Amino acid sequence: MAHIYARFTRALSSRLPLRSDIDLPITRLIPFLSLNSNRQSLVLELQTTRNLLVSSLNKVQDLELESRKVPKLEDRIRDLEKTLAATPAQSTLTPATKR
C-alpha cells in the first residue's frame, strides 16, 4: 500500500498522468464488485426459478386432487342417464291444454 501512495504522490508532484490500474485502489475492487453483482444476479434468478417450480408443483397437486373426482362424476352421470332412461317420458301438455 505504501508503494501505491508513493507513486500517487510522485505523480501528483510531477503532474504525470496516473496509471489507474496500478495507482487507484478502487480499480482493484471492480472485478470483485462485478463478481458480487453476477452472484446477486444468479441468486435472484435461482430464487425466481424456485418460486416458479413451487407454484407449478402446487398446481400439479391441485390437479391431482381434482382428477380423483372424475371417476365419481362419471359414475354419477351414468346413474342419471339410467334414471332418465327408466322413467317414462312425461307429456309437456298441461291439464288445461289436453282437451
PDB file of N, CA and C in Angstrom:
ATOM      1  N   MET A   1       0.821  -1.191   0.000  1.00  0.00           N
ATOM      2  CA  MET A   1       0.000   0.000   0.000  1.00  0.00           C
ATOM      3  C   MET A   1       0.866   1.256   0.000  1.00  0.00           C
ATOM      4  N   ALA A   2       1.992   1.168   0.675  1.00  0.00           N
ATOM      5  CA  ALA A   2       2.881   2.324   0.752  1.00  0.00           C
ATOM      6  C   ALA A   2       3.436   2.679  -0.625  1.00  0.00           C
ATOM      7  N   HIS A   3       3.717   1.646  -1.429  1.00  0.00           N
ATOM      8  CA  HIS A   3       4.253   1.941  -2.756  1.00  0.00           C
ATOM      9  C   HIS A   3       3.213   2.629  -3.642  1.00  0.00           C
ATOM     10  N   ILE A   4       1.941   2.297  -3.427  1.00  0.00           N
ATOM     11  CA  ILE A   4       0.881   2.970  -4.195  1.00  0.00           C
ATOM     12  C   ILE A   4       0.816   4.445  -3.799  1.00  0.00           C
ATOM     13  N   TYR A   5       0.891   4.694  -2.487  1.00  0.00           N
ATOM     14  CA  TYR A   5       0.860   6.075  -2.014  1.00  0.00           C
ATOM     15  C   TYR A   5       2.066   6.857  -2.547  1.00  0.00           C
ATOM     16  N   ALA A   6       3.226   6.223  -2.562  1.00  0.00           N
ATOM     17  CA  ALA A   6       4.433   6.905  -3.047  1.00  0.00           C
ATOM     18  C   ALA A   6       4.297   7.250  -4.522  1.00  0.00           C
ATOM     19  N   ARG A   7       3.796   6.321  -5.311  1.00  0.00           N
ATOM     20  CA  ARG A   7       3.617   6.593  -6.735  1.00  0.00           C
ATOM     21  C   ARG A   7       2.574   7.680  -6.953  1.00  0.00           C
ATOM     22  N   PHE A   8       1.535   7.641  -6.128  1.00  0.00           N
ATOM     23  CA  PHE A   8       0.490   8.636  -6.242  1.00  0.00           C
ATOM     24  C   PHE A   8       1.032  10.028  -5.957  1.00  0.00           C
ATOM     25  N   THR A   9       1.804  10.170  -4.884  1.00  0.00           N
ATOM     26  CA  THR A   9       2.337  11.488  -4.539  1.00  0.00           C
ATOM     27  C   THR A   9       3.370  11.943  -5.570  1.00  0.00           C
ATOM     28  N   ARG A  10       4.157  11.000  -6.106  1.00  0.00           N
ATOM     29  CA  ARG A  10       5.120  11.373  -7.159  1.00  0.00           C
ATOM     30  C   ARG A  10       4.372  11.848  -8.402  1.00  0.00           C
ATOM     31  N   ALA A  11       3.316  11.157  -8.754  1.00  0.00           N
ATOM     32  CA  ALA A  11       2.562  11.546  -9.948  1.00  0.00           C
ATOM     33  C   ALA A  11       1.917  12.904  -9.760  1.00  0.00           C
ATOM     34  N   LEU A  12       1.424  13.174  -8.570  1.00  0.00           N
ATOM     35  CA  LEU A  12       0.821  14.483  -8.316  1.00  0.00           C
ATOM     36  C   LEU A  12       1.868  15.585  -8.361  1.00  0.00           C
ATOM     37  N   SER A  13       2.987  15.305  -7.777  1.00  0.00           N
ATOM     38  CA  SER A  13       4.014  16.353  -7.726  1.00  0.00           C
ATOM     39  C   SER A  13       4.625  16.608  -9.099  1.00  0.00           C
ATOM     40  N   SER A  14       4.727  15.590  -9.918  1.00  0.00           N
ATOM     41  CA  SER A  14       5.320  15.797 -11.236  1.00  0.00           C
ATOM     42  C   SER A  14       4.262  16.059 -12.302  1.00  0.00           C
ATOM     43  N   ARG A  15       3.003  15.994 -11.914  1.00  0.00           N
ATOM     44  CA  ARG A  15       1.867  16.195 -12.807  1.00  0.00           C
ATOM     45  C   ARG A  15       1.854  15.197 -13.968  1.00  0.00           C
ATOM     46  N   LEU A  16       2.354  14.018 -13.703  1.00  0.00           N
ATOM     47  CA  LEU A  16       2.286  12.937 -14.687  1.00  0.00           C
ATOM     48  C   LEU A  16       0.921  12.269 -14.580  1.00  0.00           C
ATOM     49  N   PRO A  17       0.407  11.766 -15.680  1.00  0.00           N
ATOM     50  CA  PRO A  17      -0.880  11.074 -15.584  1.00  0.00           C
ATOM     51  C   PRO A  17      -0.733   9.789 -14.763  1.00  0.00           C
ATOM     52  N   LEU A  18      -1.771   9.497 -14.015  1.00  0.00           N
ATOM     53  CA  LEU A  18      -1.778   8.297 -13.181  1.00  0.00           C
ATOM     54  C   LEU A  18      -2.131   7.081 -14.018  1.00  0.00           C
ATOM     55  N   ARG A  19      -1.527   5.962 -13.694  1.00  0.00           N
ATOM     56  CA  ARG A  19      -1.981   4.701 -14.279  1.00  0.00           C
ATOM     57  C   ARG A  19      -3.047   4.158 -13.335  1.00  0.00           C
ATOM     58  N   SER A  20      -4.289   4.273 -13.740  1.00  0.00           N
ATOM     59  CA  SER A  20      -5.394   3.958 -12.836  1.00  0.00           C
ATOM     60  C   SER A  20      -5.423   2.500 -12.406  1.00  0.00           C
ATOM     61  N   ASP A  21      -4.904   1.599 -13.238  1.00  0.00           N
ATOM     62  CA  ASP A  21      -4.947   0.203 -12.844  1.00  0.00           C
ATOM     63  C   ASP A  21      -3.918  -0.134 -11.769  1.00  0.00           C
ATOM     64  N   ILE A  22      -2.969   0.745 -11.530  1.00  0.00           N
ATOM     65  CA  ILE A  22      -1.957   0.499 -10.501  1.00  0.00           C
ATOM     66  C   ILE A  22      -2.146   1.435  -9.318  1.00  0.00           C
ATOM     67  N   ASP A  23      -2.358   2.696  -9.601  1.00  0.00           N
ATOM     68  CA  ASP A  23      -2.322   3.698  -8.550  1.00  0.00           C
ATOM     69  C   ASP A  23      -3.620   3.864  -7.783  1.00  0.00           C
ATOM     70  N   LEU A  24      -4.728   3.582  -8.383  1.00  0.00           N
ATOM     71  CA  LEU A  24      -6.000   3.789  -7.694  1.00  0.00           C
ATOM     72  C   LEU A  24      -6.541   2.458  -7.171  1.00  0.00           C
ATOM     73  N   PRO A  25      -6.630   2.315  -5.879  1.00  0.00           N
ATOM     74  CA  PRO A  25      -7.067   1.040  -5.304  1.00  0.00           C
ATOM     75  C   PRO A  25      -8.493   0.656  -5.694  1.00  0.00           C
ATOM     76  N   ILE A  26      -9.353   1.627  -5.997  1.00  0.00           N
ATOM     77  CA  ILE A  26     -10.737   1.299  -6.329  1.00  0.00           C
ATOM     78  C   ILE A  26     -10.812   0.427  -7.575  1.00  0.00           C
ATOM     79  N   THR A  27      -9.877   0.605  -8.486  1.00  0.00           N
ATOM     80  CA  THR A  27      -9.922  -0.201  -9.703  1.00  0.00           C
ATOM     81  C   THR A  27      -9.627  -1.666  -9.411  1.00  0.00           C
ATOM     82  N   ARG A  28      -8.965  -1.909  -8.341  1.00  0.00           N
ATOM     83  CA  ARG A  28      -8.719  -3.302  -7.953  1.00  0.00           C
ATOM     84  C   ARG A  28      -9.990  -3.955  -7.408  1.00  0.00           C
ATOM     85  N   LEU A  29     -10.910  -3.146  -6.972  1.00  0.00           N
ATOM     86  CA  LEU A  29     -12.162  -3.686  -6.436  1.00  0.00           C
ATOM     87  C   LEU A  29     -13.181  -3.992  -7.523  1.00  0.00           C
ATOM     88  N   ILE A  30     -13.024  -3.412  -8.695  1.00  0.00           N
ATOM     89  CA  ILE A  30     -14.022  -3.564  -9.755  1.00  0.00           C
ATOM     90  C   ILE A  30     -14.275  -5.021 -10.111  1.00  0.00           C
ATOM     91  N   PRO A  31     -13.252  -5.865 -10.284  1.00  0.00           N
ATOM     92  CA  PRO A  31     -13.570  -7.275 -10.571  1.00  0.00           C
ATOM     93  C   PRO A  31     -14.387  -7.927  -9.462  1.00  0.00           C
ATOM     94  N   PHE A  32     -14.083  -7.565  -8.211  1.00  0.00           N
ATOM     95  CA  PHE A  32     -14.839  -8.139  -7.105  1.00  0.00           C
ATOM     96  C   PHE A  32     -16.276  -7.624  -7.086  1.00  0.00           C
ATOM     97  N   LEU A  33     -16.443  -6.340  -7.418  1.00  0.00           N
ATOM     98  CA  LEU A  33     -17.797  -5.782  -7.494  1.00  0.00           C
ATOM     99  C   LEU A  33     -18.581  -6.448  -8.615  1.00  0.00           C
ATOM    100  N   SER A  34     -17.903  -6.689  -9.723  1.00  0.00           N
ATOM    101  CA  SER A  34     -18.550  -7.357 -10.841  1.00  0.00           C
ATOM    102  C   SER A  34     -18.944  -8.782 -10.464  1.00  0.00           C
ATOM    103  N   LEU A  35     -18.047  -9.483  -9.764  1.00  0.00           N
ATOM    104  CA  LEU A  35     -18.366 -10.849  -9.315  1.00  0.00           C
ATOM    105  C   LEU A  35     -19.540 -10.839  -8.347  1.00  0.00           C
ATOM    106  N   ASN A  36     -19.558  -9.854  -7.451  1.00  0.00           N
ATOM    107  CA  ASN A  36     -20.653  -9.754  -6.498  1.00  0.00           C
ATOM    108  C   ASN A  36     -21.971  -9.475  -7.219  1.00  0.00           C
ATOM    109  N   SER A  37     -21.913  -8.603  -8.209  1.00  0.00           N
ATOM    110  CA  SER A  37     -23.111  -8.298  -8.991  1.00  0.00           C
ATOM    111  C   SER A  37     -23.605  -9.541  -9.731  1.00  0.00           C
ATOM    112  N   ASN A  38     -22.672 -10.276 -10.324  1.00  0.00           N
ATOM    113  CA  ASN A  38     -23.050 -11.520 -11.012  1.00  0.00           C
ATOM    114  C   ASN A  38     -23.639 -12.524 -10.031  1.00  0.00           C
ATOM    115  N   ARG A  39     -23.052 -12.601  -8.851  1.00  0.00           N
ATOM    116  CA  ARG A  39     -23.552 -13.527  -7.833  1.00  0.00           C
ATOM    117  C   ARG A  39     -24.979 -13.158  -7.430  1.00  0.00           C
ATOM    118  N   GLN A  40     -25.211 -11.874  -7.190  1.00  0.00           N
ATOM    119  CA  GLN A  40     -26.551 -11.427  -6.815  1.00  0.00           C
ATOM    120  C   GLN A  40     -27.549 -11.712  -7.927  1.00  0.00           C
ATOM    121  N   SER A  41     -27.131 -11.505  -9.157  1.00  0.00           N
ATOM    122  CA  SER A  41     -27.999 -11.780 -10.295  1.00  0.00           C
ATOM    123  C   SER A  41     -28.352 -13.269 -10.355  1.00  0.00           C
ATOM    124  N   LEU A  42     -27.360 -14.112 -10.142  1.00  0.00           N
ATOM    125  CA  LEU A  42     -27.621 -15.554 -10.155  1.00  0.00           C
ATOM    126  C   LEU A  42     -28.526 -15.975  -8.998  1.00  0.00           C
ATOM    127  N   VAL A  43     -28.324 -15.383  -7.838  1.00  0.00           N
ATOM    128  CA  VAL A  43     -29.172 -15.700  -6.679  1.00  0.00           C
ATOM    129  C   VAL A  43     -30.622 -15.315  -6.975  1.00  0.00           C
ATOM    130  N   LEU A  44     -30.823 -14.136  -7.558  1.00  0.00           N
ATOM    131  CA  LEU A  44     -32.186 -13.710  -7.907  1.00  0.00           C
ATOM    132  C   LEU A  44     -32.814 -14.637  -8.940  1.00  0.00           C
ATOM    133  N   GLU A  45     -32.018 -15.050  -9.917  1.00  0.00           N
ATOM    134  CA  GLU A  45     -32.525 -15.959 -10.936  1.00  0.00           C
ATOM    135  C   GLU A  45     -32.892 -17.312 -10.322  1.00  0.00           C
ATOM    136  N   LEU A  46     -32.065 -17.794  -9.403  1.00  0.00           N
ATOM    137  CA  LEU A  46     -32.374 -19.061  -8.730  1.00  0.00           C
ATOM    138  C   LEU A  46     -33.630 -18.946  -7.866  1.00  0.00           C
ATOM    139  N   GLN A  47     -33.795 -17.824  -7.186  1.00  0.00           N
ATOM    140  CA  GLN A  47     -34.991 -17.626  -6.368  1.00  0.00           C
ATOM    141  C   GLN A  47     -36.247 -17.580  -7.240  1.00  0.00           C
ATOM    142  N   THR A  48     -36.155 -16.911  -8.375  1.00  0.00           N
ATOM    143  CA  THR A  48     -37.286 -16.840  -9.303  1.00  0.00           C
ATOM    144  C   THR A  48     -37.627 -18.226  -9.828  1.00  0.00           C
ATOM    145  N   THR A  49     -36.602 -18.982 -10.185  1.00  0.00           N
ATOM    146  CA  THR A  49     -36.820 -20.340 -10.682  1.00  0.00           C
ATOM    147  C   THR A  49     -37.449 -21.209  -9.601  1.00  0.00           C
ATOM    148  N   ARG A  50     -36.970 -21.074  -8.370  1.00  0.00           N
ATOM    149  CA  ARG A  50     -37.527 -21.846  -7.254  1.00  0.00           C
ATOM    150  C   ARG A  50     -39.001 -21.511  -7.052  1.00  0.00           C
ATOM    151  N   ASN A  51     -39.326 -20.215  -7.077  1.00  0.00           N
ATOM    152  CA  ASN A  51     -40.725 -19.812  -6.899  1.00  0.00           C
ATOM    153  C   ASN A  51     -41.609 -20.367  -8.007  1.00  0.00           C
ATOM    154  N   LEU A  52     -41.110 -20.362  -9.226  1.00  0.00           N
ATOM    155  CA  LEU A  52     -41.860 -20.903 -10.351  1.00  0.00           C
ATOM    156  C   LEU A  52     -42.084 -22.401 -10.185  1.00  0.00           C
ATOM    157  N   LEU A  53     -41.055 -23.109  -9.743  1.00  0.00           N
ATOM    158  CA  LEU A  53     -41.186 -24.553  -9.537  1.00  0.00           C
ATOM    159  C   LEU A  53     -42.161 -24.876  -8.408  1.00  0.00           C
ATOM    160  N   VAL A  54     -42.125 -24.102  -7.338  1.00  0.00           N
ATOM    161  CA  VAL A  54     -43.055 -24.313  -6.226  1.00  0.00           C
ATOM    162  C   VAL A  54     -44.484 -24.071  -6.690  1.00  0.00           C
ATOM    163  N   SER A  55     -44.677 -23.017  -7.452  1.00  0.00           N
ATOM    164  CA  SER A  55     -46.012 -22.710  -7.978  1.00  0.00           C
ATOM    165  C   SER A  55     -46.505 -23.830  -8.892  1.00  0.00           C
ATOM    166  N   SER A  56     -45.646 -24.318  -9.754  1.00  0.00           N
ATOM    167  CA  SER A  56     -46.017 -25.405 -10.663  1.00  0.00           C
ATOM    168  C   SER A  56     -46.347 -26.666  -9.892  1.00  0.00           C
ATOM    169  N   LEU A  57     -45.562 -26.961  -8.883  1.00  0.00           N
ATOM    170  CA  LEU A  57     -45.833 -28.140  -8.056  1.00  0.00           C
ATOM    171  C   LEU A  57     -47.190 -28.040  -7.372  1.00  0.00           C
ATOM    172  N   ASN A  58     -47.507 -26.859  -6.862  1.00  0.00           N
ATOM    173  CA  ASN A  58     -48.815 -26.659  -6.219  1.00  0.00           C
ATOM    174  C   ASN A  58     -49.952 -26.867  -7.218  1.00  0.00           C
ATOM    175  N   LYS A  59     -49.781 -26.380  -8.447  1.00  0.00           N
ATOM    176  CA  LYS A  59     -50.818 -26.561  -9.466  1.00  0.00           C
ATOM    177  C   LYS A  59     -50.989 -28.038  -9.809  1.00  0.00           C
ATOM    178  N   VAL A  60     -49.881 -28.750  -9.920  1.00  0.00           N
ATOM    179  CA  VAL A  60     -49.947 -30.180 -10.226  1.00  0.00           C
ATOM    180  C   VAL A  60     -50.666 -30.921  -9.102  1.00  0.00           C
ATOM    181  N   GLN A  61     -50.352 -30.591  -7.856  1.00  0.00           N
ATOM    182  CA  GLN A  61     -51.023 -31.245  -6.728  1.00  0.00           C
ATOM    183  C   GLN A  61     -52.517 -30.943  -6.723  1.00  0.00           C
ATOM    184  N   ASP A  62     -52.894 -29.705  -7.043  1.00  0.00           N
ATOM    185  CA  ASP A  62     -54.317 -29.355  -7.124  1.00  0.00           C
ATOM    186  C   ASP A  62     -55.005 -30.154  -8.232  1.00  0.00           C
ATOM    187  N   LEU A  63     -54.346 -30.287  -9.373  1.00  0.00           N
ATOM    188  CA  LEU A  63     -54.928 -31.056 -10.479  1.00  0.00           C
ATOM    189  C   LEU A  63     -55.065 -32.534 -10.124  1.00  0.00           C
ATOM    190  N   GLU A  64     -54.099 -33.061  -9.388  1.00  0.00           N
ATOM    191  CA  GLU A  64     -54.199 -34.456  -8.958  1.00  0.00           C
ATOM    192  C   GLU A  64     -55.398 -34.657  -8.043  1.00  0.00           C
ATOM    193  N   LEU A  65     -55.635 -33.712  -7.152  1.00  0.00           N
ATOM    194  CA  LEU A  65     -56.800 -33.800  -6.273  1.00  0.00           C
ATOM    195  C   LEU A  65     -58.095 -33.740  -7.076  1.00  0.00           C
ATOM    196  N   GLU A  66     -58.143 -32.831  -8.051  1.00  0.00           N
ATOM    197  CA  GLU A  66     -59.341 -32.706  -8.882  1.00  0.00           C
ATOM    198  C   GLU A  66     -59.552 -33.945  -9.751  1.00  0.00           C
ATOM    199  N   SER A  67     -58.469 -34.559 -10.203  1.00  0.00           N
ATOM    200  CA  SER A  67     -58.611 -35.726 -11.068  1.00  0.00           C
ATOM    201  C   SER A  67     -59.209 -36.917 -10.324  1.00  0.00           C
ATOM    202  N   ARG A  68     -59.077 -36.942  -9.011  1.00  0.00           N
ATOM    203  CA  ARG A  68     -59.688 -38.019  -8.222  1.00  0.00           C
ATOM    204  C   ARG A  68     -61.209 -37.958  -8.264  1.00  0.00           C
ATOM    205  N   LYS A  69     -61.760 -36.797  -8.563  1.00  0.00           N
ATOM    206  CA  LYS A  69     -63.209 -36.621  -8.625  1.00  0.00           C
ATOM    207  C   LYS A  69     -63.800 -37.171  -9.926  1.00  0.00           C
ATOM    208  N   VAL A  70     -62.991 -37.323 -10.949  1.00  0.00           N
ATOM    209  CA  VAL A  70     -63.506 -37.705 -12.268  1.00  0.00           C
ATOM    210  C   VAL A  70     -64.240 -39.038 -12.254  1.00  0.00           C
ATOM    211  N   PRO A  71     -63.687 -40.122 -11.702  1.00  0.00           N
ATOM    212  CA  PRO A  71     -64.439 -41.390 -11.712  1.00  0.00           C
ATOM    213  C   PRO A  71     -65.786 -41.289 -10.990  1.00  0.00           C
ATOM    214  N   LYS A  72     -65.833 -40.546  -9.895  1.00  0.00           N
ATOM    215  CA  LYS A  72     -67.098 -40.374  -9.170  1.00  0.00           C
ATOM    216  C   LYS A  72     -68.118 -39.621 -10.023  1.00  0.00           C
ATOM    217  N   LEU A  73     -67.648 -38.594 -10.721  1.00  0.00           N
ATOM    218  CA  LEU A  73     -68.553 -37.822 -11.573  1.00  0.00           C
ATOM    219  C   LEU A  73     -69.047 -38.662 -12.760  1.00  0.00           C
ATOM    220  N   GLU A  74     -68.154 -39.487 -13.322  1.00  0.00           N
ATOM    221  CA  GLU A  74     -68.577 -40.366 -14.420  1.00  0.00           C
ATOM    222  C   GLU A  74     -69.654 -41.328 -13.953  1.00  0.00           C
ATOM    223  N   ASP A  75     -69.476 -41.914 -12.748  1.00  0.00           N
ATOM    224  CA  ASP A  75     -70.478 -42.825 -12.187  1.00  0.00           C
ATOM    225  C   ASP A  75     -71.804 -42.098 -11.965  1.00  0.00           C
ATOM    226  N   ARG A  76     -71.738 -40.896 -11.475  1.00  0.00           N
ATOM    227  CA  ARG A  76     -72.965 -40.115 -11.231  1.00  0.00           C
ATOM    228  C   ARG A  76     -73.688 -39.825 -12.552  1.00  0.00           C
ATOM    229  N   ILE A  77     -72.945 -39.515 -13.596  1.00  0.00           N
ATOM    230  CA  ILE A  77     -73.561 -39.263 -14.907  1.00  0.00           C
ATOM    231  C   ILE A  77     -74.252 -40.524 -15.416  1.00  0.00           C
ATOM    232  N   ARG A  78     -73.580 -41.673 -15.303  1.00  0.00           N
ATOM    233  CA  ARG A  78     -74.197 -42.940 -15.737  1.00  0.00           C
ATOM    234  C   ARG A  78     -75.483 -43.223 -14.962  1.00  0.00           C
ATOM    235  N   ASP A  79     -75.461 -42.983 -13.644  1.00  0.00           N
ATOM    236  CA  ASP A  79     -76.662 -43.196 -12.831  1.00  0.00           C
ATOM    237  C   ASP A  79     -77.798 -42.288 -13.281  1.00  0.00           C
ATOM    238  N   LEU A  80     -77.493 -41.033 -13.557  1.00  0.00           N
ATOM    239  CA  LEU A  80     -78.535 -40.102 -14.011  1.00  0.00           C
ATOM    240  C   LEU A  80     -79.080 -40.506 -15.372  1.00  0.00           C
ATOM    241  N   GLU A  81     -78.193 -40.971 -16.271  1.00  0.00           N
ATOM    242  CA  GLU A  81     -78.656 -41.422 -17.593  1.00  0.00           C
ATOM    243  C   GLU A  81     -79.556 -42.636 -17.469  1.00  0.00           C
ATOM    244  N   LYS A  82     -79.222 -43.560 -16.586  1.00  0.00           N
ATOM    245  CA  LYS A  82     -80.064 -44.740 -16.364  1.00  0.00           C
ATOM    246  C   LYS A  82     -81.415 -44.337 -15.795  1.00  0.00           C
ATOM    247  N   THR A  83     -81.410 -43.391 -14.868  1.00  0.00           N
ATOM    248  CA  THR A  83     -82.659 -42.920 -14.263  1.00  0.00           C
ATOM    249  C   THR A  83     -83.538 -42.261 -15.313  1.00  0.00           C
ATOM    250  N   LEU A  84     -82.951 -41.476 -16.195  1.00  0.00           N
ATOM    251  CA  LEU A  84     -83.714 -40.820 -17.258  1.00  0.00           C
ATOM    252  C   LEU A  84     -84.280 -41.848 -18.232  1.00  0.00           C
ATOM    253  N   ALA A  85     -83.518 -42.870 -18.550  1.00  0.00           N
ATOM    254  CA  ALA A  85     -83.980 -43.890 -19.487  1.00  0.00           C
ATOM    255  C   ALA A  85     -85.092 -44.735 -18.876  1.00  0.00           C
ATOM    256  N   ALA A  86     -85.073 -44.932 -17.562  1.00  0.00           N
ATOM    257  CA  ALA A  86     -86.064 -45.777 -16.891  1.00  0.00           C
ATOM    258  C   ALA A  86     -87.390 -45.068 -16.664  1.00  0.00           C
ATOM    259  N   THR A  87     -87.413 -43.768 -16.563  1.00  0.00           N
ATOM    260  CA  THR A  87     -88.668 -43.050 -16.307  1.00  0.00           C
ATOM    261  C   THR A  87     -89.371 -42.793 -17.629  1.00  0.00           C
ATOM    262  N   PRO A  88     -90.698 -42.994 -17.653  1.00  0.00           N
ATOM    263  CA  PRO A  88     -91.446 -42.742 -18.891  1.00  0.00           C
ATOM    264  C   PRO A  88     -91.438 -41.251 -19.217  1.00  0.00           C
ATOM    265  N   ALA A  89     -91.485 -40.968 -20.488  1.00  0.00           N
ATOM    266  CA  ALA A  89     -91.485 -39.570 -20.926  1.00  0.00           C
ATOM    267  C   ALA A  89     -92.784 -38.924 -20.489  1.00  0.00           C
ATOM    268  N   GLN A  90     -92.695 -37.806 -19.878  1.00  0.00           N
ATOM    269  CA  GLN A  90     -93.886 -37.104 -19.419  1.00  0.00           C
ATOM    270  C   GLN A  90     -94.320 -36.120 -20.489  1.00  0.00           C
ATOM    271  N   SER A  91     -95.606 -35.963 -20.577  1.00  0.00           N
ATOM    272  CA  SER A  91     -96.156 -35.050 -21.568  1.00  0.00           C
ATOM    273  C   SER A  91     -95.864 -33.625 -21.165  1.00  0.00           C
ATOM    274  N   THR A  92     -95.605 -32.829 -22.134  1.00  0.00           N
ATOM    275  CA  THR A  92     -95.344 -31.415 -21.861  1.00  0.00           C
ATOM    276  C   THR A  92     -96.631 -30.617 -21.833  1.00  0.00           C
ATOM    277  N   LEU A  93     -97.769 -31.273 -22.113  1.00  0.00           N
ATOM    278  CA  LEU A  93     -99.034 -30.570 -22.108  1.00  0.00           C
ATOM    279  C   LEU A  93     -99.528 -30.425 -20.671  1.00  0.00           C
ATOM    280  N   THR A  94    -100.075 -29.282 -20.378  1.00  0.00           N
ATOM    281  CA  THR A  94    -100.667 -29.060 -19.068  1.00  0.00           C
ATOM    282  C   THR A  94    -102.108 -29.549 -19.113  1.00  0.00           C
ATOM    283  N   PRO A  95    -102.736 -29.801 -17.962  1.00  0.00           N
ATOM    284  CA  PRO A  95    -104.128 -30.301 -17.954  1.00  0.00           C
ATOM    285  C   PRO A  95    -105.079 -29.395 -18.731  1.00  0.00           C
ATOM    286  N   ALA A  96    -104.888 -28.117 -18.749  1.00  0.00           N
ATOM    287  CA  ALA A  96    -105.794 -27.213 -19.443  1.00  0.00           C
ATOM    288  C   ALA A  96    -105.657 -27.339 -20.951  1.00  0.00           C
ATOM    289  N   THR A  97    -104.533 -27.757 -21.444  1.00  0.00           N
ATOM    290  CA  THR A  97    -104.345 -27.858 -22.887  1.00  0.00           C
ATOM    291  C   THR A  97    -104.539 -29.264 -23.407  1.00  0.00           C
ATOM    292  N   LYS A  98    -104.937 -30.243 -22.573  1.00  0.00           N
ATOM    293  CA  LYS A  98    -105.115 -31.629 -23.019  1.00  0.00           C
ATOM    294  C   LYS A  98    -106.430 -31.864 -23.725  1.00  0.00           C
ATOM    295  N   ARG A  99    -107.339 -31.011 -23.793  1.00  0.00           N
ATOM    296  CA  ARG A  99    -108.678 -31.203 -24.345  1.00  0.00           C
ATOM    297  C   ARG A  99    -108.646 -31.775 -25.672  1.00  0.00           C
TER     298      ARG A  99
END
